N, C-alpha and C. Protein backbone atom coordinates (compact mmCIF):
# COMPACT_ATOMS: atom_id res chain seq x y z
N UNK A 1 -87.25 6.93 106.53
CA UNK A 1 -86.48 6.93 108.01
C UNK A 1 -86.30 6.20 108.09
N UNK A 2 -84.52 5.55 108.50
CA UNK A 2 -83.79 4.27 108.56
C UNK A 2 -84.03 4.40 109.96
N UNK A 3 -83.81 2.78 110.54
CA UNK A 3 -83.51 2.53 111.70
C UNK A 3 -82.42 2.60 112.43
N UNK A 4 -82.24 3.46 113.54
CA UNK A 4 -80.95 3.84 114.28
C UNK A 4 -81.05 2.58 114.77
N UNK A 5 -79.37 2.26 114.59
CA UNK A 5 -78.77 0.64 115.32
C UNK A 5 -78.35 0.79 117.15
N UNK A 6 -79.06 0.15 117.50
CA UNK A 6 -78.55 0.52 118.99
C UNK A 6 -76.75 0.10 119.38
N UNK A 7 -76.71 1.40 119.53
CA UNK A 7 -74.93 1.07 120.28
C UNK A 7 -74.32 0.10 121.01
N UNK A 8 -73.74 -0.10 121.12
CA UNK A 8 -72.69 -1.28 122.02
C UNK A 8 -71.94 -0.90 123.28
N UNK A 9 -71.80 0.96 122.65
CA UNK A 9 -71.10 1.43 123.93
C UNK A 9 -71.87 2.64 123.54
N UNK A 10 -71.45 3.27 125.06
CA UNK A 10 -71.78 5.07 124.54
C UNK A 10 -70.68 5.67 125.41
N UNK A 11 -70.34 6.59 124.60
CA UNK A 11 -69.25 7.35 124.96
C UNK A 11 -69.70 8.88 125.63
N UNK A 12 -70.00 9.49 126.83
CA UNK A 12 -70.35 10.56 127.16
C UNK A 12 -69.09 11.54 126.93
N UNK A 13 -68.91 11.97 125.98
CA UNK A 13 -68.26 13.68 125.47
C UNK A 13 -68.77 15.04 126.17
N UNK A 14 -69.86 14.87 126.50
CA UNK A 14 -70.67 16.10 126.47
C UNK A 14 -70.09 17.39 127.38
N UNK A 15 -69.51 18.53 126.84
CA UNK A 15 -68.85 19.24 127.69
C UNK A 15 -67.59 19.58 127.43
N UNK A 16 -67.13 18.29 126.68
CA UNK A 16 -65.59 18.09 126.35
C UNK A 16 -65.31 18.76 125.15
N UNK A 17 -64.04 19.19 124.98
CA UNK A 17 -63.65 20.32 123.38
C UNK A 17 -63.11 19.48 122.76
N UNK A 18 -63.18 19.24 121.80
CA UNK A 18 -61.98 18.55 120.28
C UNK A 18 -60.73 18.89 120.76
N UNK A 19 -59.71 17.97 120.83
CA UNK A 19 -59.99 16.59 120.42
C UNK A 19 -60.51 15.60 121.40
N UNK A 20 -60.87 15.72 123.05
CA UNK A 20 -61.45 14.91 123.58
C UNK A 20 -62.24 13.85 123.34
N UNK A 21 -63.14 14.11 122.73
CA UNK A 21 -64.28 13.23 122.49
C UNK A 21 -63.58 11.88 121.27
N UNK A 22 -62.50 12.34 120.68
CA UNK A 22 -62.27 11.85 119.58
C UNK A 22 -61.21 10.62 120.48
N UNK A 23 -60.36 11.67 121.23
CA UNK A 23 -59.76 10.96 122.27
C UNK A 23 -60.13 9.65 122.59
N UNK A 24 -61.04 9.78 123.12
CA UNK A 24 -62.24 8.78 123.83
C UNK A 24 -62.62 7.86 123.08
N UNK A 25 -63.11 8.23 121.64
CA UNK A 25 -63.46 6.98 121.09
C UNK A 25 -61.81 6.12 120.63
N UNK A 26 -61.00 6.92 120.42
CA UNK A 26 -59.96 5.76 119.83
C UNK A 26 -59.54 4.92 120.89
N UNK A 27 -59.51 5.28 122.19
CA UNK A 27 -59.09 4.41 123.13
C UNK A 27 -60.10 3.29 123.62
N UNK A 28 -61.81 3.58 123.33
CA UNK A 28 -62.29 2.66 123.64
C UNK A 28 -63.40 1.78 122.11
N UNK A 29 -62.92 2.30 121.13
CA UNK A 29 -63.33 1.11 119.89
C UNK A 29 -63.37 0.06 120.02
N UNK A 30 -61.67 -0.52 120.41
CA UNK A 30 -61.76 -1.54 120.81
C UNK A 30 -62.19 -2.63 121.69
N UNK A 31 -63.01 -1.96 122.13
CA UNK A 31 -63.55 -2.71 123.44
C UNK A 31 -65.37 -3.50 122.90
N UNK A 32 -65.29 -3.04 121.68
CA UNK A 32 -66.96 -3.68 120.95
C UNK A 32 -66.62 -4.40 119.93
N UNK A 33 -67.51 -5.32 120.31
CA UNK A 33 -67.54 -6.38 118.65
C UNK A 33 -66.96 -5.89 117.45
N UNK A 34 -66.46 -6.29 116.20
CA UNK A 34 -66.64 -5.61 115.23
C UNK A 34 -67.97 -5.78 114.40
N UNK A 35 -68.29 -5.05 114.02
CA UNK A 35 -69.57 -4.53 113.42
C UNK A 35 -70.24 -3.69 114.47
N UNK A 36 -69.92 -3.89 115.75
CA UNK A 36 -70.75 -2.90 117.20
C UNK A 36 -70.69 -1.21 116.59
N UNK A 37 -72.01 -0.76 117.53
CA UNK A 37 -71.65 0.81 116.88
C UNK A 37 -71.72 1.26 118.24
N UNK A 38 -70.69 2.03 118.16
CA UNK A 38 -70.08 3.24 119.09
C UNK A 38 -70.69 4.41 119.44
N UNK A 39 -71.26 4.86 120.16
CA UNK A 39 -72.30 6.24 120.06
C UNK A 39 -71.25 7.59 120.83
N UNK A 40 -70.92 8.16 120.27
CA UNK A 40 -70.28 9.32 121.02
C UNK A 40 -71.23 10.89 121.36
N UNK A 41 -71.04 10.78 122.44
CA UNK A 41 -72.55 12.04 122.78
C UNK A 41 -71.12 13.29 122.90
N UNK A 42 -71.96 14.26 122.06
CA UNK A 42 -70.61 15.39 122.20
C UNK A 42 -71.54 16.59 121.56
N UNK A 43 -71.23 17.81 122.46
CA UNK A 43 -71.74 19.14 122.05
C UNK A 43 -70.60 20.03 121.60
N UNK A 44 -69.43 19.51 121.52
CA UNK A 44 -68.40 20.62 121.01
C UNK A 44 -68.90 20.60 119.35
N UNK A 45 -68.98 21.86 118.64
CA UNK A 45 -69.51 21.59 116.97
C UNK A 45 -68.55 20.82 116.58
N UNK A 46 -67.03 21.21 116.82
CA UNK A 46 -66.15 20.77 116.24
C UNK A 46 -65.95 18.74 116.03
N UNK A 47 -67.02 18.40 117.02
CA UNK A 47 -66.93 17.08 116.85
C UNK A 47 -68.29 16.39 116.07
N UNK A 48 -69.04 17.52 115.82
CA UNK A 48 -69.74 17.09 114.77
C UNK A 48 -68.74 16.71 113.02
N UNK A 49 -67.83 17.32 112.89
CA UNK A 49 -67.21 17.06 111.36
C UNK A 49 -66.04 16.36 112.36
N UNK A 50 -65.55 16.43 113.07
CA UNK A 50 -63.97 15.84 113.22
C UNK A 50 -64.19 14.24 113.42
N UNK A 51 -65.40 13.61 113.73
CA UNK A 51 -65.67 12.22 114.37
C UNK A 51 -66.00 11.73 113.01
N UNK A 52 -66.81 11.95 111.87
CA UNK A 52 -66.66 11.64 110.82
C UNK A 52 -65.66 11.64 110.15
N UNK A 53 -64.15 12.39 110.08
CA UNK A 53 -63.32 12.64 109.42
C UNK A 53 -62.65 11.76 109.91
N UNK A 54 -62.51 11.55 111.28
CA UNK A 54 -61.67 10.43 112.46
C UNK A 54 -62.00 9.32 111.70
N UNK A 55 -63.30 8.68 111.15
CA UNK A 55 -63.83 7.28 110.97
C UNK A 55 -63.13 7.49 109.25
N UNK A 56 -63.30 8.09 108.77
CA UNK A 56 -62.32 7.92 107.50
C UNK A 56 -60.84 7.66 107.46
N UNK A 57 -60.59 8.46 108.08
CA UNK A 57 -59.01 7.97 108.54
C UNK A 57 -58.45 6.73 108.85
N UNK A 58 -59.63 6.34 109.71
CA UNK A 58 -59.22 5.26 110.53
C UNK A 58 -59.66 4.09 110.33
N UNK A 59 -60.41 4.20 108.81
CA UNK A 59 -61.16 3.33 108.38
C UNK A 59 -62.48 2.81 108.82
N UNK A 60 -63.00 3.30 109.99
CA UNK A 60 -64.08 3.15 110.54
C UNK A 60 -65.15 3.71 109.44
N UNK A 61 -66.59 3.10 109.92
CA UNK A 61 -67.57 4.02 109.12
C UNK A 61 -68.67 4.53 110.08
N UNK A 62 -68.83 6.05 109.48
CA UNK A 62 -69.60 6.81 110.32
C UNK A 62 -71.15 6.51 110.18
N UNK A 63 -71.75 5.87 110.75
CA UNK A 63 -72.88 5.75 110.58
C UNK A 63 -74.30 6.60 110.50
N UNK A 64 -74.26 7.86 111.45
CA UNK A 64 -75.07 8.98 111.35
C UNK A 64 -74.84 9.79 112.44
N UNK A 65 -75.10 10.83 112.25
CA UNK A 65 -75.43 11.89 113.87
C UNK A 65 -76.78 12.36 113.94
N UNK A 66 -77.00 12.51 115.54
CA UNK A 66 -78.67 12.48 115.46
C UNK A 66 -77.99 13.40 116.45
N UNK A 67 -79.35 14.55 116.56
CA UNK A 67 -79.54 15.62 117.57
C UNK A 67 -79.87 15.32 118.44
N UNK A 68 -79.42 15.80 119.74
CA UNK A 68 -79.75 15.35 120.99
C UNK A 68 -81.17 16.04 121.77
N UNK A 69 -82.28 15.83 122.57
CA UNK A 69 -83.14 16.65 122.95
C UNK A 69 -81.96 17.88 123.69
N UNK A 70 -81.05 17.33 124.47
CA UNK A 70 -80.68 18.81 125.23
C UNK A 70 -79.28 19.63 124.86
N UNK A 71 -79.49 19.41 123.58
CA UNK A 71 -78.05 19.96 122.75
C UNK A 71 -76.85 18.75 122.55
N UNK A 72 -76.75 18.84 121.37
CA UNK A 72 -75.11 17.87 120.65
C UNK A 72 -75.76 16.82 120.30
N UNK A 73 -74.94 16.03 120.47
CA UNK A 73 -75.14 14.63 119.09
C UNK A 73 -74.43 13.98 119.25
N UNK A 74 -75.30 12.94 118.96
CA UNK A 74 -75.26 11.51 119.50
C UNK A 74 -74.79 10.79 117.79
N UNK A 75 -73.19 10.60 118.08
CA UNK A 75 -72.52 10.75 116.26
C UNK A 75 -71.94 8.67 116.51
N UNK A 76 -73.13 8.34 115.56
CA UNK A 76 -72.60 6.60 115.68
C UNK A 76 -71.43 6.39 114.20
N UNK A 77 -70.50 5.59 115.62
CA UNK A 77 -69.48 4.50 114.46
C UNK A 77 -69.40 3.61 114.63
N UNK A 78 -69.40 3.05 113.79
CA UNK A 78 -69.66 0.88 113.12
C UNK A 78 -68.00 1.07 113.23
N UNK A 79 -67.46 -0.09 114.22
CA UNK A 79 -66.25 -0.71 114.26
C UNK A 79 -66.01 -1.49 113.00
N UNK A 80 -64.82 -1.16 111.97
CA UNK A 80 -64.91 -2.17 110.88
C UNK A 80 -63.57 -2.86 111.29
N UNK A 81 -62.73 -3.27 112.12
CA UNK A 81 -61.63 -4.18 112.00
C UNK A 81 -61.21 -3.92 113.49
């Protein structure tokens, strides 16, 4: 089991439908230092695949998606630039 990196920023997008979680991530990712991790909390099933796809499109790194106890995921993104 790999160690989960502590996020520098957590974006609470629970209850919001895509593309809102991605818009929130795009607006806030530049507020953390390079190589820092942003955690997007989302429960819309589209976010589970759309956030990693956004990472590939924008050249950031999808670190992992972790199930939340109350439902949804914490989707970790590492800022690359």
